Amino acid sequence: MSMVSKNQDYLTNGITISPAIPATGDKVKLSYDGLLAKSGATHIFARVGFGSNWDHLYDYSMTRTSTGFEAVIPVSGTGSMNVCFKDCANNWDNNSGRNYSFDISQ
Protein backbone atom coordinates (compact mmCIF):
# COMPACT_ATOMS: atom_id res chain seq x y z
CA MET A 1 0.00 0.00 0.00
CA SER A 2 1.36 3.41 -0.89
CA MET A 3 1.86 6.13 1.71
CA VAL A 4 -0.80 8.28 0.03
CA SER A 5 -3.49 5.60 0.22
CA LYS A 6 -2.55 4.76 3.82
CA ASN A 7 -2.76 8.43 4.80
CA GLN A 8 -6.25 8.60 3.25
CA ASP A 9 -7.55 5.57 5.20
CA TYR A 10 -9.39 7.83 7.63
CA LEU A 11 -11.61 9.63 5.09
CA THR A 12 -14.59 7.55 6.25
CA ASN A 13 -13.93 8.79 9.82
CA GLY A 14 -14.00 12.41 8.59
CA ILE A 15 -10.25 13.00 8.93
CA THR A 16 -7.91 14.31 6.24
CA ILE A 17 -4.49 15.94 6.08
CA SER A 18 -3.04 18.15 3.38
CA PRO A 19 -0.49 17.58 1.97
CA ALA A 20 -1.31 13.85 1.98
CA ILE A 21 2.35 12.96 2.58
CA PRO A 22 3.93 15.61 4.79
CA ALA A 23 7.66 15.90 5.42
CA THR A 24 9.41 17.02 8.58
CA GLY A 25 9.33 20.83 8.61
CA ASP A 26 6.06 21.05 6.64
CA LYS A 27 2.83 22.42 8.02
CA VAL A 28 -0.22 20.24 7.44
CA LYS A 29 -3.87 21.20 7.43
CA LEU A 30 -5.68 18.66 9.61
CA SER A 31 -9.42 18.54 8.96
CA TYR A 32 -11.87 16.79 11.27
CA ASP A 33 -15.56 16.07 10.72
CA GLY A 34 -15.70 12.88 12.74
CA LEU A 35 -17.68 11.44 15.63
CA LEU A 36 -17.26 14.38 18.03
CA ALA A 37 -18.17 16.97 15.39
CA LYS A 38 -21.23 14.94 14.37
CA SER A 39 -22.21 14.61 18.06
CA GLY A 40 -22.49 18.38 18.45
CA ALA A 41 -19.13 19.33 19.97
CA THR A 42 -18.65 23.09 19.96
CA HIS A 43 -14.87 22.95 20.37
CA ILE A 44 -12.36 20.23 19.49
CA PHE A 45 -8.69 19.76 20.27
CA ALA A 46 -6.32 17.59 18.23
CA ARG A 47 -3.73 15.84 20.40
CA VAL A 48 -0.68 15.32 18.18
CA GLY A 49 2.61 13.49 18.74
CA PHE A 50 5.31 12.08 16.50
CA GLY A 51 6.84 8.62 16.25
CA SER A 52 6.11 5.63 18.46
CA ASN A 53 6.66 7.64 21.66
CA TRP A 54 4.36 10.54 20.69
CA ASP A 55 7.32 12.97 20.80
CA HIS A 56 6.58 16.73 20.80
CA LEU A 57 3.09 16.03 22.26
CA TYR A 58 0.78 19.03 21.98
CA ASP A 59 -2.96 19.76 22.04
CA TYR A 60 -3.98 22.02 19.14
CA SER A 61 -7.21 23.98 19.34
CA MET A 62 -9.17 23.41 16.15
CA THR A 63 -11.19 26.12 14.38
CA ARG A 64 -14.81 25.45 13.41
CA THR A 65 -15.43 25.66 9.66
CA SER A 66 -18.45 25.07 7.45
CA THR A 67 -17.28 21.46 7.01
CA GLY A 68 -16.18 20.60 10.57
CA PHE A 69 -12.98 21.65 12.32
CA GLU A 70 -9.43 22.28 11.16
CA ALA A 71 -5.99 23.18 12.46
CA VAL A 72 -2.56 23.81 10.96
CA ILE A 73 0.00 21.50 12.55
CA PRO A 74 3.79 21.87 12.20
CA VAL A 75 5.43 18.53 11.43
CA SER A 76 8.16 18.49 14.07
CA GLY A 77 8.99 14.78 14.11
CA THR A 78 9.79 11.84 11.87
CA GLY A 79 8.24 8.50 10.99
CA SER A 80 4.60 9.16 11.77
CA MET A 81 2.23 11.84 13.00
CA ASN A 82 -0.20 10.42 15.55
CA VAL A 83 -3.50 12.13 16.29
CA CYS A 84 -6.54 11.73 18.50
CA PHE A 85 -9.31 14.22 19.20
CA LYS A 86 -11.15 15.43 22.31
CA ASP A 87 -13.96 17.87 23.00
CA CYS A 88 -14.54 20.20 25.97
CA ALA A 89 -16.52 17.49 27.83
CA ASN A 90 -13.43 15.23 27.63
CA ASN A 91 -15.03 12.87 25.11
CA TRP A 92 -12.40 11.27 22.86
CA ASP A 93 -12.24 10.06 19.28
CA ASN A 94 -9.15 7.84 19.24
CA ASN A 95 -10.13 5.44 16.45
CA SER A 96 -11.32 2.78 18.93
CA GLY A 97 -8.01 2.95 20.81
CA ARG A 98 -5.83 2.72 17.69
CA ASN A 99 -5.49 6.51 17.22
CA TYR A 100 -4.93 8.03 13.78
CA SER A 101 -1.44 7.66 12.35
CA PHE A 102 -0.12 9.38 9.22
CA ASP A 103 3.19 8.55 7.53
CA ILE A 104 5.78 11.30 7.20
CA SER A 105 8.11 11.18 4.20
CA GLN A 106 11.83 10.97 4.84
PDB file of N, CA and C in Angstrom:
ATOM      1  N   MET A   1       0.844  -1.178   0.000  1.00  0.00           N
ATOM      2  CA  MET A   1       0.000   0.000   0.000  1.00  0.00           C
ATOM      3  C   MET A   1       0.890   1.242   0.000  1.00  0.00           C
ATOM      4  N   SER A   2       0.549   2.193  -0.824  1.00  0.00           N
ATOM      5  CA  SER A   2       1.357   3.410  -0.888  1.00  0.00           C
ATOM      6  C   SER A   2       1.089   4.294   0.326  1.00  0.00           C
ATOM      7  N   MET A   3       2.026   5.211   0.591  1.00  0.00           N
ATOM      8  CA  MET A   3       1.855   6.129   1.712  1.00  0.00           C
ATOM      9  C   MET A   3       0.622   6.997   1.521  1.00  0.00           C
ATOM     10  N   VAL A   4       0.351   7.420   0.278  1.00  0.00           N
ATOM     11  CA  VAL A   4      -0.802   8.283   0.029  1.00  0.00           C
ATOM     12  C   VAL A   4      -2.085   7.550   0.379  1.00  0.00           C
ATOM     13  N   SER A   5      -2.245   6.305  -0.079  1.00  0.00           N
ATOM     14  CA  SER A   5      -3.488   5.598   0.215  1.00  0.00           C
ATOM     15  C   SER A   5      -3.604   5.305   1.703  1.00  0.00           C
ATOM     16  N   LYS A   6      -2.497   4.986   2.376  1.00  0.00           N
ATOM     17  CA  LYS A   6      -2.548   4.762   3.820  1.00  0.00           C
ATOM     18  C   LYS A   6      -2.969   6.036   4.538  1.00  0.00           C
ATOM     19  N   ASN A   7      -2.439   7.167   4.137  1.00  0.00           N
ATOM     20  CA  ASN A   7      -2.761   8.427   4.799  1.00  0.00           C
ATOM     21  C   ASN A   7      -4.170   8.904   4.484  1.00  0.00           C
ATOM     22  N   GLN A   8      -4.866   8.259   3.548  1.00  0.00           N
ATOM     23  CA  GLN A   8      -6.254   8.604   3.247  1.00  0.00           C
ATOM     24  C   GLN A   8      -7.225   7.575   3.822  1.00  0.00           C
ATOM     25  N   ASP A   9      -6.713   6.618   4.611  1.00  0.00           N
ATOM     26  CA  ASP A   9      -7.548   5.575   5.199  1.00  0.00           C
ATOM     27  C   ASP A   9      -8.646   6.123   6.096  1.00  0.00           C
ATOM     28  N   TYR A  10      -8.469   7.314   6.620  1.00  0.00           N
ATOM     29  CA  TYR A  10      -9.392   7.835   7.625  1.00  0.00           C
ATOM     30  C   TYR A  10     -10.468   8.746   7.051  1.00  0.00           C
ATOM     31  N   LEU A  11     -10.581   8.808   5.722  1.00  0.00           N
ATOM     32  CA  LEU A  11     -11.610   9.634   5.095  1.00  0.00           C
ATOM     33  C   LEU A  11     -13.000   9.270   5.609  1.00  0.00           C
ATOM     34  N   THR A  12     -13.268   7.979   5.788  1.00  0.00           N
ATOM     35  CA  THR A  12     -14.586   7.552   6.252  1.00  0.00           C
ATOM     36  C   THR A  12     -14.844   7.986   7.694  1.00  0.00           C
ATOM     37  N   ASN A  13     -13.785   8.288   8.453  1.00  0.00           N
ATOM     38  CA  ASN A  13     -13.927   8.786   9.822  1.00  0.00           C
ATOM     39  C   ASN A  13     -13.987  10.315   9.841  1.00  0.00           C
ATOM     40  N   GLY A  14     -13.924  10.954   8.667  1.00  0.00           N
ATOM     41  CA  GLY A  14     -14.004  12.407   8.588  1.00  0.00           C
ATOM     42  C   GLY A  14     -12.684  13.115   8.844  1.00  0.00           C
ATOM     43  N   ILE A  15     -11.555  12.421   8.627  1.00  0.00           N
ATOM     44  CA  ILE A  15     -10.245  12.996   8.934  1.00  0.00           C
ATOM     45  C   ILE A  15      -9.375  13.008   7.687  1.00  0.00           C
ATOM     46  N   THR A  16      -8.836  14.186   7.370  1.00  0.00           N
ATOM     47  CA  THR A  16      -7.905  14.311   6.243  1.00  0.00           C
ATOM     48  C   THR A  16      -6.747  15.218   6.640  1.00  0.00           C
ATOM     49  N   ILE A  17      -5.619  15.023   5.940  1.00  0.00           N
ATOM     50  CA  ILE A  17      -4.491  15.942   6.078  1.00  0.00           C
ATOM     51  C   ILE A  17      -4.072  16.391   4.686  1.00  0.00           C
ATOM     52  N   SER A  18      -3.544  17.598   4.632  1.00  0.00           N
ATOM     53  CA  SER A  18      -3.038  18.148   3.377  1.00  0.00           C
ATOM     54  C   SER A  18      -1.760  18.914   3.690  1.00  0.00           C
ATOM     55  N   PRO A  19      -0.638  18.571   3.025  1.00  0.00           N
ATOM     56  CA  PRO A  19      -0.490  17.577   1.966  1.00  0.00           C
ATOM     57  C   PRO A  19      -0.682  16.153   2.503  1.00  0.00           C
ATOM     58  N   ALA A  20      -1.040  15.233   1.590  1.00  0.00           N
ATOM     59  CA  ALA A  20      -1.314  13.849   1.981  1.00  0.00           C
ATOM     60  C   ALA A  20      -0.084  13.159   2.543  1.00  0.00           C
ATOM     61  N   ILE A  21       1.093  13.511   2.057  1.00  0.00           N
ATOM     62  CA  ILE A  21       2.348  12.955   2.576  1.00  0.00           C
ATOM     63  C   ILE A  21       3.225  14.113   3.038  1.00  0.00           C
ATOM     64  N   PRO A  22       3.094  14.501   4.299  1.00  0.00           N
ATOM     65  CA  PRO A  22       3.926  15.610   4.785  1.00  0.00           C
ATOM     66  C   PRO A  22       5.360  15.165   5.032  1.00  0.00           C
ATOM     67  N   ALA A  23       6.256  16.127   5.072  1.00  0.00           N
ATOM     68  CA  ALA A  23       7.658  15.899   5.418  1.00  0.00           C
ATOM     69  C   ALA A  23       7.964  16.700   6.683  1.00  0.00           C
ATOM     70  N   THR A  24       8.984  16.274   7.404  1.00  0.00           N
ATOM     71  CA  THR A  24       9.412  17.018   8.583  1.00  0.00           C
ATOM     72  C   THR A  24       9.710  18.456   8.177  1.00  0.00           C
ATOM     73  N   GLY A  25       9.174  19.413   8.923  1.00  0.00           N
ATOM     74  CA  GLY A  25       9.331  20.828   8.606  1.00  0.00           C
ATOM     75  C   GLY A  25       8.131  21.419   7.888  1.00  0.00           C
ATOM     76  N   ASP A  26       7.284  20.568   7.291  1.00  0.00           N
ATOM     77  CA  ASP A  26       6.062  21.050   6.639  1.00  0.00           C
ATOM     78  C   ASP A  26       5.050  21.495   7.685  1.00  0.00           C
ATOM     79  N   LYS A  27       4.016  22.176   7.215  1.00  0.00           N
ATOM     80  CA  LYS A  27       2.831  22.422   8.016  1.00  0.00           C
ATOM     81  C   LYS A  27       1.695  21.700   7.302  1.00  0.00           C
ATOM     82  N   VAL A  28       0.901  20.944   8.041  1.00  0.00           N
ATOM     83  CA  VAL A  28      -0.222  20.237   7.439  1.00  0.00           C
ATOM     84  C   VAL A  28      -1.534  20.837   7.930  1.00  0.00           C
ATOM     85  N   LYS A  29      -2.509  20.820   7.037  1.00  0.00           N
ATOM     86  CA  LYS A  29      -3.866  21.197   7.432  1.00  0.00           C
ATOM     87  C   LYS A  29      -4.576  19.906   7.824  1.00  0.00           C
ATOM     88  N   LEU A  30      -4.954  19.809   9.081  1.00  0.00           N
ATOM     89  CA  LEU A  30      -5.676  18.657   9.607  1.00  0.00           C
ATOM     90  C   LEU A  30      -7.147  19.037   9.663  1.00  0.00           C
ATOM     91  N   SER A  31      -7.981  18.269   8.974  1.00  0.00           N
ATOM     92  CA  SER A  31      -9.422  18.542   8.958  1.00  0.00           C
ATOM     93  C   SER A  31     -10.144  17.407   9.669  1.00  0.00           C
ATOM     94  N   TYR A  32     -11.143  17.775  10.477  1.00  0.00           N
ATOM     95  CA  TYR A  32     -11.875  16.787  11.274  1.00  0.00           C
ATOM     96  C   TYR A  32     -13.366  17.043  11.184  1.00  0.00           C
ATOM     97  N   ASP A  33     -14.102  16.050  10.713  1.00  0.00           N
ATOM     98  CA  ASP A  33     -15.561  16.065  10.716  1.00  0.00           C
ATOM     99  C   ASP A  33     -16.023  14.689  11.162  1.00  0.00           C
ATOM    100  N   GLY A  34     -15.448  14.228  12.251  1.00  0.00           N
ATOM    101  CA  GLY A  34     -15.704  12.878  12.739  1.00  0.00           C
ATOM    102  C   GLY A  34     -16.769  12.827  13.817  1.00  0.00           C
ATOM    103  N   LEU A  35     -16.686  11.774  14.616  1.00  0.00           N
ATOM    104  CA  LEU A  35     -17.685  11.444  15.625  1.00  0.00           C
ATOM    105  C   LEU A  35     -18.014  12.611  16.554  1.00  0.00           C
ATOM    106  N   LEU A  36     -17.005  13.278  17.089  1.00  0.00           N
ATOM    107  CA  LEU A  36     -17.257  14.377  18.030  1.00  0.00           C
ATOM    108  C   LEU A  36     -17.961  15.544  17.354  1.00  0.00           C
ATOM    109  N   ALA A  37     -17.530  15.879  16.134  1.00  0.00           N
ATOM    110  CA  ALA A  37     -18.170  16.968  15.388  1.00  0.00           C
ATOM    111  C   ALA A  37     -19.621  16.625  15.083  1.00  0.00           C
ATOM    112  N   LYS A  38     -19.871  15.380  14.717  1.00  0.00           N
ATOM    113  CA  LYS A  38     -21.226  14.941  14.371  1.00  0.00           C
ATOM    114  C   LYS A  38     -22.101  14.800  15.613  1.00  0.00           C
ATOM    115  N   SER A  39     -21.465  14.727  16.796  1.00  0.00           N
ATOM    116  CA  SER A  39     -22.211  14.613  18.058  1.00  0.00           C
ATOM    117  C   SER A  39     -22.487  15.969  18.690  1.00  0.00           C
ATOM    118  N   GLY A  40     -22.153  17.049  17.998  1.00  0.00           N
ATOM    119  CA  GLY A  40     -22.495  18.384  18.454  1.00  0.00           C
ATOM    120  C   GLY A  40     -21.432  19.105  19.259  1.00  0.00           C
ATOM    121  N   ALA A  41     -20.198  18.636  19.239  1.00  0.00           N
ATOM    122  CA  ALA A  41     -19.132  19.327  19.969  1.00  0.00           C
ATOM    123  C   ALA A  41     -18.988  20.751  19.444  1.00  0.00           C
ATOM    124  N   THR A  42     -18.807  21.691  20.364  1.00  0.00           N
ATOM    125  CA  THR A  42     -18.646  23.087  19.957  1.00  0.00           C
ATOM    126  C   THR A  42     -17.185  23.471  19.841  1.00  0.00           C
ATOM    127  N   HIS A  43     -16.300  22.684  20.458  1.00  0.00           N
ATOM    128  CA  HIS A  43     -14.865  22.950  20.369  1.00  0.00           C
ATOM    129  C   HIS A  43     -14.126  21.618  20.424  1.00  0.00           C
ATOM    130  N   ILE A  44     -13.124  21.481  19.576  1.00  0.00           N
ATOM    131  CA  ILE A  44     -12.363  20.233  19.495  1.00  0.00           C
ATOM    132  C   ILE A  44     -10.878  20.546  19.536  1.00  0.00           C
ATOM    133  N   PHE A  45     -10.146  19.690  20.216  1.00  0.00           N
ATOM    134  CA  PHE A  45      -8.689  19.757  20.270  1.00  0.00           C
ATOM    135  C   PHE A  45      -8.122  18.527  19.580  1.00  0.00           C
ATOM    136  N   ALA A  46      -7.051  18.713  18.833  1.00  0.00           N
ATOM    137  CA  ALA A  46      -6.317  17.595  18.235  1.00  0.00           C
ATOM    138  C   ALA A  46      -5.073  17.371  19.086  1.00  0.00           C
ATOM    139  N   ARG A  47      -4.949  16.195  19.666  1.00  0.00           N
ATOM    140  CA  ARG A  47      -3.728  15.835  20.402  1.00  0.00           C
ATOM    141  C   ARG A  47      -2.797  15.175  19.394  1.00  0.00           C
ATOM    142  N   VAL A  48      -1.605  15.762  19.222  1.00  0.00           N
ATOM    143  CA  VAL A  48      -0.677  15.324  18.180  1.00  0.00           C
ATOM    144  C   VAL A  48       0.672  14.994  18.801  1.00  0.00           C
ATOM    145  N   GLY A  49       1.251  13.880  18.359  1.00  0.00           N
ATOM    146  CA  GLY A  49       2.607  13.492  18.742  1.00  0.00           C
ATOM    147  C   GLY A  49       3.262  12.788  17.568  1.00  0.00           C
ATOM    148  N   PHE A  50       4.568  12.636  17.636  1.00  0.00           N
ATOM    149  CA  PHE A  50       5.312  12.078  16.501  1.00  0.00           C
ATOM    150  C   PHE A  50       6.084  10.829  16.916  1.00  0.00           C
ATOM    151  N   GLY A  51       6.109   9.855  16.004  1.00  0.00           N
ATOM    152  CA  GLY A  51       6.841   8.621  16.248  1.00  0.00           C
ATOM    153  C   GLY A  51       6.135   7.740  17.271  1.00  0.00           C
ATOM    154  N   SER A  52       6.742   6.600  17.585  1.00  0.00           N
ATOM    155  CA  SER A  52       6.105   5.626  18.462  1.00  0.00           C
ATOM    156  C   SER A  52       5.968   6.104  19.902  1.00  0.00           C
ATOM    157  N   ASN A  53       6.733   7.114  20.292  1.00  0.00           N
ATOM    158  CA  ASN A  53       6.660   7.644  21.655  1.00  0.00           C
ATOM    159  C   ASN A  53       5.827   8.916  21.775  1.00  0.00           C
ATOM    160  N   TRP A  54       5.154   9.312  20.704  1.00  0.00           N
ATOM    161  CA  TRP A  54       4.360  10.541  20.694  1.00  0.00           C
ATOM    162  C   TRP A  54       5.219  11.733  21.112  1.00  0.00           C
ATOM    163  N   ASP A  55       6.416  11.858  20.511  1.00  0.00           N
ATOM    164  CA  ASP A  55       7.315  12.973  20.805  1.00  0.00           C
ATOM    165  C   ASP A  55       6.657  14.298  20.425  1.00  0.00           C
ATOM    166  N   HIS A  56       7.086  15.382  21.065  1.00  0.00           N
ATOM    167  CA  HIS A  56       6.577  16.735  20.803  1.00  0.00           C
ATOM    168  C   HIS A  56       5.057  16.805  21.004  1.00  0.00           C
ATOM    169  N   LEU A  57       4.526  16.090  21.994  1.00  0.00           N
ATOM    170  CA  LEU A  57       3.089  16.026  22.258  1.00  0.00           C
ATOM    171  C   LEU A  57       2.518  17.417  22.510  1.00  0.00           C
ATOM    172  N   TYR A  58       1.403  17.721  21.825  1.00  0.00           N
ATOM    173  CA  TYR A  58       0.782  19.032  21.982  1.00  0.00           C
ATOM    174  C   TYR A  58      -0.702  18.917  21.635  1.00  0.00           C
ATOM    175  N   ASP A  59      -1.538  19.671  22.352  1.00  0.00           N
ATOM    176  CA  ASP A  59      -2.960  19.756  22.038  1.00  0.00           C
ATOM    177  C   ASP A  59      -3.217  21.037  21.250  1.00  0.00           C
ATOM    178  N   TYR A  60      -3.690  20.884  20.025  1.00  0.00           N
ATOM    179  CA  TYR A  60      -3.977  22.019  19.143  1.00  0.00           C
ATOM    180  C   TYR A  60      -5.474  22.307  19.168  1.00  0.00           C
ATOM    181  N   SER A  61      -5.824  23.561  19.428  1.00  0.00           N
ATOM    182  CA  SER A  61      -7.213  23.983  19.343  1.00  0.00           C
ATOM    183  C   SER A  61      -7.599  24.039  17.866  1.00  0.00           C
ATOM    184  N   MET A  62      -8.724  23.428  17.537  1.00  0.00           N
ATOM    185  CA  MET A  62      -9.171  23.411  16.148  1.00  0.00           C
ATOM    186  C   MET A  62     -10.229  24.500  15.938  1.00  0.00           C
ATOM    187  N   THR A  63     -10.259  25.057  14.742  1.00  0.00           N
ATOM    188  CA  THR A  63     -11.191  26.118  14.382  1.00  0.00           C
ATOM    189  C   THR A  63     -12.392  25.519  13.666  1.00  0.00           C
ATOM    190  N   ARG A  64     -13.593  25.935  14.082  1.00  0.00           N
ATOM    191  CA  ARG A  64     -14.807  25.452  13.407  1.00  0.00           C
ATOM    192  C   ARG A  64     -14.876  26.052  12.004  1.00  0.00           C
ATOM    193  N   THR A  65     -15.229  25.220  11.039  1.00  0.00           N
ATOM    194  CA  THR A  65     -15.425  25.655   9.658  1.00  0.00           C
ATOM    195  C   THR A  65     -16.806  25.197   9.203  1.00  0.00           C
ATOM    196  N   SER A  66     -17.153  25.504   7.974  1.00  0.00           N
ATOM    197  CA  SER A  66     -18.451  25.069   7.447  1.00  0.00           C
ATOM    198  C   SER A  66     -18.491  23.556   7.240  1.00  0.00           C
ATOM    199  N   THR A  67     -17.321  22.912   7.248  1.00  0.00           N
ATOM    200  CA  THR A  67     -17.278  21.460   7.014  1.00  0.00           C
ATOM    201  C   THR A  67     -16.765  20.671   8.217  1.00  0.00           C
ATOM    202  N   GLY A  68     -16.671  21.298   9.383  1.00  0.00           N
ATOM    203  CA  GLY A  68     -16.184  20.598  10.565  1.00  0.00           C
ATOM    204  C   GLY A  68     -15.216  21.467  11.337  1.00  0.00           C
ATOM    205  N   PHE A  69     -14.016  20.941  11.586  1.00  0.00           N
ATOM    206  CA  PHE A  69     -12.977  21.654  12.323  1.00  0.00           C
ATOM    207  C   PHE A  69     -11.663  21.465  11.595  1.00  0.00           C
ATOM    208  N   GLU A  70     -10.760  22.455  11.749  1.00  0.00           N
ATOM    209  CA  GLU A  70      -9.428  22.281  11.163  1.00  0.00           C
ATOM    210  C   GLU A  70      -8.377  23.016  11.976  1.00  0.00           C
ATOM    211  N   ALA A  71      -7.140  22.562  11.801  1.00  0.00           N
ATOM    212  CA  ALA A  71      -5.993  23.176  12.457  1.00  0.00           C
ATOM    213  C   ALA A  71      -4.788  22.998  11.554  1.00  0.00           C
ATOM    214  N   VAL A  72      -3.838  23.927  11.668  1.00  0.00           N
ATOM    215  CA  VAL A  72      -2.565  23.807  10.959  1.00  0.00           C
ATOM    216  C   VAL A  72      -1.538  23.312  11.970  1.00  0.00           C
ATOM    217  N   ILE A  73      -0.912  22.185  11.635  1.00  0.00           N
ATOM    218  CA  ILE A  73      -0.001  21.499  12.553  1.00  0.00           C
ATOM    219  C   ILE A  73       1.409  21.499  11.960  1.00  0.00           C
ATOM    220  N   PRO A  74       2.415  21.992  12.688  1.00  0.00           N
ATOM    221  CA  PRO A  74       3.795  21.874  12.204  1.00  0.00           C
ATOM    222  C   PRO A  74       4.283  20.440  12.392  1.00  0.00           C
ATOM    223  N   VAL A  75       4.896  19.896  11.360  1.00  0.00           N
ATOM    224  CA  VAL A  75       5.433  18.532  11.426  1.00  0.00           C
ATOM    225  C   VAL A  75       6.832  18.625  12.044  1.00  0.00           C
ATOM    226  N   SER A  76       6.911  18.295  13.336  1.00  0.00           N
ATOM    227  CA  SER A  76       8.161  18.491  14.069  1.00  0.00           C
ATOM    228  C   SER A  76       8.820  17.172  14.451  1.00  0.00           C
ATOM    229  N   GLY A  77       8.399  16.081  13.820  1.00  0.00           N
ATOM    230  CA  GLY A  77       8.986  14.781  14.110  1.00  0.00           C
ATOM    231  C   GLY A  77       9.149  13.972  12.849  1.00  0.00           C
ATOM    232  N   THR A  78       9.564  12.727  13.011  1.00  0.00           N
ATOM    233  CA  THR A  78       9.785  11.841  11.870  1.00  0.00           C
ATOM    234  C   THR A  78       8.996  10.550  12.050  1.00  0.00           C
ATOM    235  N   GLY A  79       8.888   9.801  10.955  1.00  0.00           N
ATOM    236  CA  GLY A  79       8.240   8.495  10.993  1.00  0.00           C
ATOM    237  C   GLY A  79       6.748   8.571  10.814  1.00  0.00           C
ATOM    238  N   SER A  80       6.052   9.052  11.850  1.00  0.00           N
ATOM    239  CA  SER A  80       4.599   9.156  11.768  1.00  0.00           C
ATOM    240  C   SER A  80       4.098  10.317  12.615  1.00  0.00           C
ATOM    241  N   MET A  81       2.941  10.842  12.216  1.00  0.00           N
ATOM    242  CA  MET A  81       2.229  11.841  12.997  1.00  0.00           C
ATOM    243  C   MET A  81       1.004  11.135  13.556  1.00  0.00           C
ATOM    244  N   ASN A  82       0.899  11.105  14.878  1.00  0.00           N
ATOM    245  CA  ASN A  82      -0.196  10.421  15.546  1.00  0.00           C
ATOM    246  C   ASN A  82      -1.172  11.446  16.093  1.00  0.00           C
ATOM    247  N   VAL A  83      -2.479  11.160  15.923  1.00  0.00           N
ATOM    248  CA  VAL A  83      -3.497  12.126  16.292  1.00  0.00           C
ATOM    249  C   VAL A  83      -4.667  11.418  16.968  1.00  0.00           C
ATOM    250  N   CYS A  84      -5.229  12.075  17.976  1.00  0.00           N
ATOM    251  CA  CYS A  84      -6.540  11.730  18.501  1.00  0.00           C
ATOM    252  C   CYS A  84      -7.245  13.054  18.810  1.00  0.00           C
ATOM    253  N   PHE A  85      -8.522  13.001  19.042  1.00  0.00           N
ATOM    254  CA  PHE A  85      -9.310  14.224  19.197  1.00  0.00           C
ATOM    255  C   PHE A  85     -10.102  14.176  20.495  1.00  0.00           C
ATOM    256  N   LYS A  86     -10.305  15.355  21.121  1.00  0.00           N
ATOM    257  CA  LYS A  86     -11.153  15.432  22.308  1.00  0.00           C
ATOM    258  C   LYS A  86     -11.972  16.711  22.245  1.00  0.00           C
ATOM    259  N   ASP A  87     -13.131  16.669  22.920  1.00  0.00           N
ATOM    260  CA  ASP A  87     -13.959  17.866  23.004  1.00  0.00           C
ATOM    261  C   ASP A  87     -13.882  18.440  24.416  1.00  0.00           C
ATOM    262  N   CYS A  88     -14.606  19.513  24.666  1.00  0.00           N
ATOM    263  CA  CYS A  88     -14.539  20.198  25.970  1.00  0.00           C
ATOM    264  C   CYS A  88     -15.113  19.366  27.105  1.00  0.00           C
ATOM    265  N   ALA A  89     -15.944  18.369  26.804  1.00  0.00           N
ATOM    266  CA  ALA A  89     -16.516  17.493  27.825  1.00  0.00           C
ATOM    267  C   ALA A  89     -15.622  16.276  28.074  1.00  0.00           C
ATOM    268  N   ASN A  90     -14.407  16.305  27.495  1.00  0.00           N
ATOM    269  CA  ASN A  90     -13.429  15.230  27.635  1.00  0.00           C
ATOM    270  C   ASN A  90     -13.878  13.922  26.990  1.00  0.00           C
ATOM    271  N   ASN A  91     -14.719  14.023  25.948  1.00  0.00           N
ATOM    272  CA  ASN A  91     -15.030  12.869  25.108  1.00  0.00           C
ATOM    273  C   ASN A  91     -13.916  12.744  24.081  1.00  0.00           C
ATOM    274  N   TRP A  92     -13.529  11.506  23.757  1.00  0.00           N
ATOM    275  CA  TRP A  92     -12.399  11.269  22.863  1.00  0.00           C
ATOM    276  C   TRP A  92     -12.825  10.529  21.604  1.00  0.00           C
ATOM    277  N   ASP A  93     -12.183  10.856  20.508  1.00  0.00           N
ATOM    278  CA  ASP A  93     -12.241  10.056  19.279  1.00  0.00           C
ATOM    279  C   ASP A  93     -10.804   9.622  19.035  1.00  0.00           C
ATOM    280  N   ASN A  94     -10.512   8.366  19.393  1.00  0.00           N
ATOM    281  CA  ASN A  94      -9.150   7.842  19.240  1.00  0.00           C
ATOM    282  C   ASN A  94      -9.126   6.597  18.357  1.00  0.00           C
ATOM    283  N   ASN A  95     -10.100   6.543  17.412  1.00  0.00           N
ATOM    284  CA  ASN A  95     -10.133   5.442  16.448  1.00  0.00           C
ATOM    285  C   ASN A  95     -10.210   4.099  17.174  1.00  0.00           C
ATOM    286  N   SER A  96     -11.116   4.008  18.140  1.00  0.00           N
ATOM    287  CA  SER A  96     -11.320   2.775  18.929  1.00  0.00           C
ATOM    288  C   SER A  96     -10.033   2.310  19.599  1.00  0.00           C
ATOM    289  N   GLY A  97      -9.248   3.270  20.106  1.00  0.00           N
ATOM    290  CA  GLY A  97      -8.013   2.951  20.815  1.00  0.00           C
ATOM    291  C   GLY A  97      -6.781   2.816  19.938  1.00  0.00           C
ATOM    292  N   ARG A  98      -6.969   2.874  18.617  1.00  0.00           N
ATOM    293  CA  ARG A  98      -5.831   2.722  17.693  1.00  0.00           C
ATOM    294  C   ARG A  98      -5.225   4.062  17.294  1.00  0.00           C
ATOM    295  N   ASN A  99      -5.894   5.178  17.626  1.00  0.00           N
ATOM    296  CA  ASN A  99      -5.489   6.514  17.222  1.00  0.00           C
ATOM    297  C   ASN A  99      -5.428   6.623  15.703  1.00  0.00           C
ATOM    298  N   TYR A 100      -5.059   7.767  15.226  1.00  0.00           N
ATOM    299  CA  TYR A 100      -4.935   8.033  13.780  1.00  0.00           C
ATOM    300  C   TYR A 100      -3.465   8.307  13.519  1.00  0.00           C
ATOM    301  N   SER A 101      -2.870   7.544  12.613  1.00  0.00           N
ATOM    302  CA  SER A 101      -1.443   7.663  12.348  1.00  0.00           C
ATOM    303  C   SER A 101      -1.211   7.931  10.867  1.00  0.00           C
ATOM    304  N   PHE A 102      -0.428   8.976  10.592  1.00  0.00           N
ATOM    305  CA  PHE A 102      -0.121   9.379   9.217  1.00  0.00           C
ATOM    306  C   PHE A 102       1.369   9.281   8.988  1.00  0.00           C
ATOM    307  N   ASP A 103       1.771   8.677   7.878  1.00  0.00           N
ATOM    308  CA  ASP A 103       3.191   8.554   7.535  1.00  0.00           C
ATOM    309  C   ASP A 103       3.782   9.917   7.180  1.00  0.00           C
ATOM    310  N   ILE A 104       5.022  10.110   7.572  1.00  0.00           N
ATOM    311  CA  ILE A 104       5.780  11.300   7.204  1.00  0.00           C
ATOM    312  C   ILE A 104       6.895  10.857   6.278  1.00  0.00           C
ATOM    313  N   SER A 105       7.045  11.562   5.153  1.00  0.00           N
ATOM    314  CA  SER A 105       8.105  11.177   4.203  1.00  0.00           C
ATOM    315  C   SER A 105       9.474  11.510   4.777  1.00  0.00           C
ATOM    316  N   GLN A 106      10.462  10.781   4.336  1.00  0.00           N
ATOM    317  CA  GLN A 106      11.827  10.974   4.837  1.00  0.00           C
ATOM    318  C   GLN A 106      12.577  11.964   3.981  1.00  0.00           C
TER     319      GLN A 106
END
